[in-house]
Amino acid sequence: MKVTITKQCMGDRNCNDLCPEVFAYDEDDLLSKVKVDPIPGHLENIVRQAADECGADAIIIEE
């Protein structure tokens, strides 16, 4: 699984709270970033949850 965050990110940090192992907040850009690629298998479900809960639909998952 590969994950990207688009420029639609609102910076609400929900994904960072759900899965800090994968998502980090960039204070300079005021957006979340993906820290690991590819996503480790044991984190795939929580990353899917973060994508589902993203209010801006900014998390794109590629299987």
PDB file of N, CA and C in Angstrom:
ATOM      1  N   MET A   1       0.843  -1.181   0.000  1.00  0.00           N
ATOM      2  CA  MET A   1       0.000   0.000   0.000  1.00  0.00           C
ATOM      3  C   MET A   1       0.886   1.241   0.000  1.00  0.00           C
ATOM      4  N   LYS A   2       0.496   2.197  -0.818  1.00  0.00           N
ATOM      5  CA  LYS A   2       1.181   3.491  -0.861  1.00  0.00           C
ATOM      6  C   LYS A   2       0.150   4.572  -0.544  1.00  0.00           C
ATOM      7  N   VAL A   3       0.561   5.593   0.179  1.00  0.00           N
ATOM      8  CA  VAL A   3      -0.338   6.676   0.583  1.00  0.00           C
ATOM      9  C   VAL A   3       0.283   8.018   0.225  1.00  0.00           C
ATOM     10  N   THR A   4      -0.552   8.912  -0.278  1.00  0.00           N
ATOM     11  CA  THR A   4      -0.131  10.290  -0.512  1.00  0.00           C
ATOM     12  C   THR A   4      -1.168  11.226   0.101  1.00  0.00           C
ATOM     13  N   ILE A   5      -0.728  12.417   0.424  1.00  0.00           N
ATOM     14  CA  ILE A   5      -1.626  13.450   0.935  1.00  0.00           C
ATOM     15  C   ILE A   5      -1.610  14.593  -0.066  1.00  0.00           C
ATOM     16  N   THR A   6      -2.802  14.971  -0.517  1.00  0.00           N
ATOM     17  CA  THR A   6      -2.917  16.026  -1.521  1.00  0.00           C
ATOM     18  C   THR A   6      -2.871  17.407  -0.869  1.00  0.00           C
ATOM     19  N   LYS A   7      -2.826  18.414  -1.700  1.00  0.00           N
ATOM     20  CA  LYS A   7      -2.819  19.796  -1.210  1.00  0.00           C
ATOM     21  C   LYS A   7      -4.154  20.217  -0.619  1.00  0.00           C
ATOM     22  N   GLN A   8      -5.151  19.326  -0.718  1.00  0.00           N
ATOM     23  CA  GLN A   8      -6.454  19.604  -0.097  1.00  0.00           C
ATOM     24  C   GLN A   8      -6.388  19.489   1.427  1.00  0.00           C
ATOM     25  N   CYS A   9      -5.293  18.982   1.945  1.00  0.00           N
ATOM     26  CA  CYS A   9      -5.133  18.792   3.388  1.00  0.00           C
ATOM     27  C   CYS A   9      -5.444  20.089   4.124  1.00  0.00           C
ATOM     28  N   MET A  10      -6.309  19.973   5.139  1.00  0.00           N
ATOM     29  CA  MET A  10      -6.704  21.138   5.943  1.00  0.00           C
ATOM     30  C   MET A  10      -5.833  21.298   7.181  1.00  0.00           C
ATOM     31  N   GLY A  11      -4.952  20.334   7.433  1.00  0.00           N
ATOM     32  CA  GLY A  11      -4.058  20.428   8.577  1.00  0.00           C
ATOM     33  C   GLY A  11      -4.738  20.226   9.912  1.00  0.00           C
ATOM     34  N   ASP A  12      -5.828  19.458   9.946  1.00  0.00           N
ATOM     35  CA  ASP A  12      -6.511  19.251  11.223  1.00  0.00           C
ATOM     36  C   ASP A  12      -5.832  18.195  12.097  1.00  0.00           C
ATOM     37  N   ARG A  13      -4.860  17.511  11.554  1.00  0.00           N
ATOM     38  CA  ARG A  13      -4.009  16.554  12.262  1.00  0.00           C
ATOM     39  C   ARG A  13      -4.713  15.294  12.742  1.00  0.00           C
ATOM     40  N   ASN A  14      -5.899  15.011  12.258  1.00  0.00           N
ATOM     41  CA  ASN A  14      -6.585  13.791  12.663  1.00  0.00           C
ATOM     42  C   ASN A  14      -5.772  12.558  12.288  1.00  0.00           C
ATOM     43  N   CYS A  15      -5.212  12.560  11.085  1.00  0.00           N
ATOM     44  CA  CYS A  15      -4.414  11.404  10.663  1.00  0.00           C
ATOM     45  C   CYS A  15      -3.179  11.243  11.543  1.00  0.00           C
ATOM     46  N   ASN A  16      -2.590  12.358  11.957  1.00  0.00           N
ATOM     47  CA  ASN A  16      -1.425  12.301  12.833  1.00  0.00           C
ATOM     48  C   ASN A  16      -1.787  11.690  14.183  1.00  0.00           C
ATOM     49  N   ASP A  17      -2.965  12.035  14.689  1.00  0.00           N
ATOM     50  CA  ASP A  17      -3.412  11.485  15.962  1.00  0.00           C
ATOM     51  C   ASP A  17      -3.718   9.990  15.846  1.00  0.00           C
ATOM     52  N   LEU A  18      -4.331   9.588  14.720  1.00  0.00           N
ATOM     53  CA  LEU A  18      -4.689   8.182  14.524  1.00  0.00           C
ATOM     54  C   LEU A  18      -3.472   7.301  14.297  1.00  0.00           C
ATOM     55  N   CYS A  19      -2.535   7.772  13.530  1.00  0.00           N
ATOM     56  CA  CYS A  19      -1.401   6.921  13.154  1.00  0.00           C
ATOM     57  C   CYS A  19      -0.100   7.728  13.041  1.00  0.00           C
ATOM     58  N   PRO A  20       0.477   8.089  14.171  1.00  0.00           N
ATOM     59  CA  PRO A  20       1.717   8.877  14.138  1.00  0.00           C
ATOM     60  C   PRO A  20       2.911   8.113  13.561  1.00  0.00           C
ATOM     61  N   GLU A  21       2.786   6.793  13.437  1.00  0.00           N
ATOM     62  CA  GLU A  21       3.859   6.015  12.827  1.00  0.00           C
ATOM     63  C   GLU A  21       3.958   6.282  11.326  1.00  0.00           C
ATOM     64  N   VAL A  22       2.854   6.738  10.723  1.00  0.00           N
ATOM     65  CA  VAL A  22       2.814   6.964   9.277  1.00  0.00           C
ATOM     66  C   VAL A  22       2.738   8.448   8.925  1.00  0.00           C
ATOM     67  N   PHE A  23       1.973   9.212   9.698  1.00  0.00           N
ATOM     68  CA  PHE A  23       1.725  10.618   9.354  1.00  0.00           C
ATOM     69  C   PHE A  23       2.440  11.568  10.318  1.00  0.00           C
ATOM     70  N   ALA A  24       2.968  12.638   9.769  1.00  0.00           N
ATOM     71  CA  ALA A  24       3.620  13.681  10.561  1.00  0.00           C
ATOM     72  C   ALA A  24       3.092  15.031  10.096  1.00  0.00           C
ATOM     73  N   TYR A  25       3.079  15.991  11.009  1.00  0.00           N
ATOM     74  CA  TYR A  25       2.626  17.332  10.669  1.00  0.00           C
ATOM     75  C   TYR A  25       3.824  18.207  10.342  1.00  0.00           C
ATOM     76  N   ASP A  26       3.771  18.856   9.201  1.00  0.00           N
ATOM     77  CA  ASP A  26       4.838  19.758   8.769  1.00  0.00           C
ATOM     78  C   ASP A  26       4.473  21.177   9.193  1.00  0.00           C
ATOM     79  N   GLU A  27       5.165  21.680  10.174  1.00  0.00           N
ATOM     80  CA  GLU A  27       4.879  23.013  10.720  1.00  0.00           C
ATOM     81  C   GLU A  27       5.138  24.129   9.705  1.00  0.00           C
ATOM     82  N   ASP A  28       6.050  23.914   8.778  1.00  0.00           N
ATOM     83  CA  ASP A  28       6.356  24.935   7.770  1.00  0.00           C
ATOM     84  C   ASP A  28       5.244  25.042   6.725  1.00  0.00           C
ATOM     85  N   ASP A  29       4.777  23.877   6.254  1.00  0.00           N
ATOM     86  CA  ASP A  29       3.748  23.866   5.211  1.00  0.00           C
ATOM     87  C   ASP A  29       2.330  23.842   5.777  1.00  0.00           C
ATOM     88  N   LEU A  30       2.214  23.583   7.091  1.00  0.00           N
ATOM     89  CA  LEU A  30       0.919  23.487   7.771  1.00  0.00           C
ATOM     90  C   LEU A  30       0.043  22.387   7.171  1.00  0.00           C
ATOM     91  N   LEU A  31       0.694  21.284   6.802  1.00  0.00           N
ATOM     92  CA  LEU A  31       0.026  20.125   6.216  1.00  0.00           C
ATOM     93  C   LEU A  31       0.604  18.851   6.813  1.00  0.00           C
ATOM     94  N   SER A  32      -0.165  17.786   6.741  1.00  0.00           N
ATOM     95  CA  SER A  32       0.348  16.488   7.142  1.00  0.00           C
ATOM     96  C   SER A  32       1.158  15.898   5.995  1.00  0.00           C
ATOM     97  N   LYS A  33       2.132  15.077   6.347  1.00  0.00           N
ATOM     98  CA  LYS A  33       3.001  14.408   5.376  1.00  0.00           C
ATOM     99  C   LYS A  33       3.045  12.924   5.710  1.00  0.00           C
ATOM    100  N   VAL A  34       3.384  12.112   4.729  1.00  0.00           N
ATOM    101  CA  VAL A  34       3.562  10.678   4.924  1.00  0.00           C
ATOM    102  C   VAL A  34       5.034  10.425   5.251  1.00  0.00           C
ATOM    103  N   LYS A  35       5.286   9.703   6.348  1.00  0.00           N
ATOM    104  CA  LYS A  35       6.654   9.454   6.797  1.00  0.00           C
ATOM    105  C   LYS A  35       7.255   8.174   6.236  1.00  0.00           C
ATOM    106  N   VAL A  36       6.429   7.179   5.894  1.00  0.00           N
ATOM    107  CA  VAL A  36       6.948   5.891   5.438  1.00  0.00           C
ATOM    108  C   VAL A  36       6.293   5.466   4.123  1.00  0.00           C
ATOM    109  N   ASP A  37       7.067   4.777   3.293  1.00  0.00           N
ATOM    110  CA  ASP A  37       6.554   4.291   2.025  1.00  0.00           C
ATOM    111  C   ASP A  37       7.359   3.058   1.657  1.00  0.00           C
ATOM    112  N   PRO A  38       6.758   1.934   1.447  1.00  0.00           N
ATOM    113  CA  PRO A  38       5.323   1.653   1.524  1.00  0.00           C
ATOM    114  C   PRO A  38       4.854   1.534   2.978  1.00  0.00           C
ATOM    115  N   ILE A  39       3.550   1.481   3.149  1.00  0.00           N
ATOM    116  CA  ILE A  39       2.955   1.375   4.476  1.00  0.00           C
ATOM    117  C   ILE A  39       3.139  -0.049   4.992  1.00  0.00           C
ATOM    118  N   PRO A  40       3.667  -0.208   6.210  1.00  0.00           N
ATOM    119  CA  PRO A  40       3.793  -1.550   6.779  1.00  0.00           C
ATOM    120  C   PRO A  40       2.416  -2.210   6.914  1.00  0.00           C
ATOM    121  N   GLY A  41       2.369  -3.497   6.647  1.00  0.00           N
ATOM    122  CA  GLY A  41       1.108  -4.234   6.648  1.00  0.00           C
ATOM    123  C   GLY A  41       0.302  -4.101   7.918  1.00  0.00           C
ATOM    124  N   HIS A  42       0.974  -4.071   9.074  1.00  0.00           N
ATOM    125  CA  HIS A  42       0.238  -3.993  10.337  1.00  0.00           C
ATOM    126  C   HIS A  42      -0.407  -2.623  10.569  1.00  0.00           C
ATOM    127  N   LEU A  43      -0.095  -1.638   9.738  1.00  0.00           N
ATOM    128  CA  LEU A  43      -0.681  -0.297   9.879  1.00  0.00           C
ATOM    129  C   LEU A  43      -1.709   0.029   8.793  1.00  0.00           C
ATOM    130  N   GLU A  44      -1.924  -0.879   7.865  1.00  0.00           N
ATOM    131  CA  GLU A  44      -2.803  -0.589   6.731  1.00  0.00           C
ATOM    132  C   GLU A  44      -4.235  -0.257   7.156  1.00  0.00           C
ATOM    133  N   ASN A  45      -4.794  -0.982   8.107  1.00  0.00           N
ATOM    134  CA  ASN A  45      -6.180  -0.721   8.512  1.00  0.00           C
ATOM    135  C   ASN A  45      -6.343   0.648   9.154  1.00  0.00           C
ATOM    136  N   ILE A  46      -5.406   1.057   9.982  1.00  0.00           N
ATOM    137  CA  ILE A  46      -5.512   2.373  10.631  1.00  0.00           C
ATOM    138  C   ILE A  46      -5.303   3.488   9.609  1.00  0.00           C
ATOM    139  N   VAL A  47      -4.485   3.247   8.588  1.00  0.00           N
ATOM    140  CA  VAL A  47      -4.301   4.232   7.521  1.00  0.00           C
ATOM    141  C   VAL A  47      -5.595   4.357   6.704  1.00  0.00           C
ATOM    142  N   ARG A  48      -6.253   3.232   6.453  1.00  0.00           N
ATOM    143  CA  ARG A  48      -7.555   3.289   5.769  1.00  0.00           C
ATOM    144  C   ARG A  48      -8.570   4.086   6.593  1.00  0.00           C
ATOM    145  N   GLN A  49      -8.542   3.877   7.906  1.00  0.00           N
ATOM    146  CA  GLN A  49      -9.447   4.626   8.784  1.00  0.00           C
ATOM    147  C   GLN A  49      -9.140   6.116   8.705  1.00  0.00           C
ATOM    148  N   ALA A  50      -7.875   6.482   8.711  1.00  0.00           N
ATOM    149  CA  ALA A  50      -7.491   7.891   8.601  1.00  0.00           C
ATOM    150  C   ALA A  50      -7.993   8.482   7.289  1.00  0.00           C
ATOM    151  N   ALA A  51      -7.881   7.728   6.202  1.00  0.00           N
ATOM    152  CA  ALA A  51      -8.364   8.207   4.901  1.00  0.00           C
ATOM    153  C   ALA A  51      -9.876   8.382   4.925  1.00  0.00           C
ATOM    154  N   ASP A  52     -10.584   7.425   5.532  1.00  0.00           N
ATOM    155  CA  ASP A  52     -12.047   7.506   5.618  1.00  0.00           C
ATOM    156  C   ASP A  52     -12.502   8.700   6.447  1.00  0.00           C
ATOM    157  N   GLU A  53     -11.747   9.031   7.487  1.00  0.00           N
ATOM    158  CA  GLU A  53     -12.132  10.107   8.401  1.00  0.00           C
ATOM    159  C   GLU A  53     -11.604  11.480   7.987  1.00  0.00           C
ATOM    160  N   CYS A  54     -10.805  11.533   6.936  1.00  0.00           N
ATOM    161  CA  CYS A  54     -10.232  12.806   6.484  1.00  0.00           C
ATOM    162  C   CYS A  54     -11.339  13.695   5.924  1.00  0.00           C
ATOM    163  N   GLY A  55     -11.586  14.815   6.583  1.00  0.00           N
ATOM    164  CA  GLY A  55     -12.649  15.725   6.170  1.00  0.00           C
ATOM    165  C   GLY A  55     -12.419  16.373   4.817  1.00  0.00           C
ATOM    166  N   ALA A  56     -11.179  16.467   4.406  1.00  0.00           N
ATOM    167  CA  ALA A  56     -10.857  17.093   3.119  1.00  0.00           C
ATOM    168  C   ALA A  56     -10.671  16.064   2.005  1.00  0.00           C
ATOM    169  N   ASP A  57     -10.831  14.780   2.329  1.00  0.00           N
ATOM    170  CA  ASP A  57     -10.559  13.713   1.361  1.00  0.00           C
ATOM    171  C   ASP A  57      -9.177  13.873   0.742  1.00  0.00           C
ATOM    172  N   ALA A  58      -8.208  14.207   1.566  1.00  0.00           N
ATOM    173  CA  ALA A  58      -6.860  14.509   1.084  1.00  0.00           C
ATOM    174  C   ALA A  58      -5.909  13.315   1.121  1.00  0.00           C
ATOM    175  N   ILE A  59      -6.340  12.194   1.701  1.00  0.00           N
ATOM    176  CA  ILE A  59      -5.479  11.022   1.785  1.00  0.00           C
ATOM    177  C   ILE A  59      -5.859  10.059   0.672  1.00  0.00           C
ATOM    178  N   ILE A  60      -4.892   9.794  -0.208  1.00  0.00           N
ATOM    179  CA  ILE A  60      -5.115   8.927  -1.362  1.00  0.00           C
ATOM    180  C   ILE A  60      -4.351   7.625  -1.121  1.00  0.00           C
ATOM    181  N   ILE A  61      -5.076   6.505  -1.226  1.00  0.00           N
ATOM    182  CA  ILE A  61      -4.476   5.183  -1.029  1.00  0.00           C
ATOM    183  C   ILE A  61      -4.366   4.477  -2.368  1.00  0.00           C
ATOM    184  N   GLU A  62      -3.185   3.920  -2.619  1.00  0.00           N
ATOM    185  CA  GLU A  62      -2.956   3.076  -3.786  1.00  0.00           C
ATOM    186  C   GLU A  62      -2.608   1.686  -3.276  1.00  0.00           C
ATOM    187  N   GLU A  63      -3.432   0.721  -3.654  1.00  0.00           N
ATOM    188  CA  GLU A  63      -3.211  -0.668  -3.184  1.00  0.00           C
ATOM    189  C   GLU A  63      -2.137  -1.344  -3.990  1.00  0.00           C
TER     190      GLU A  63
END
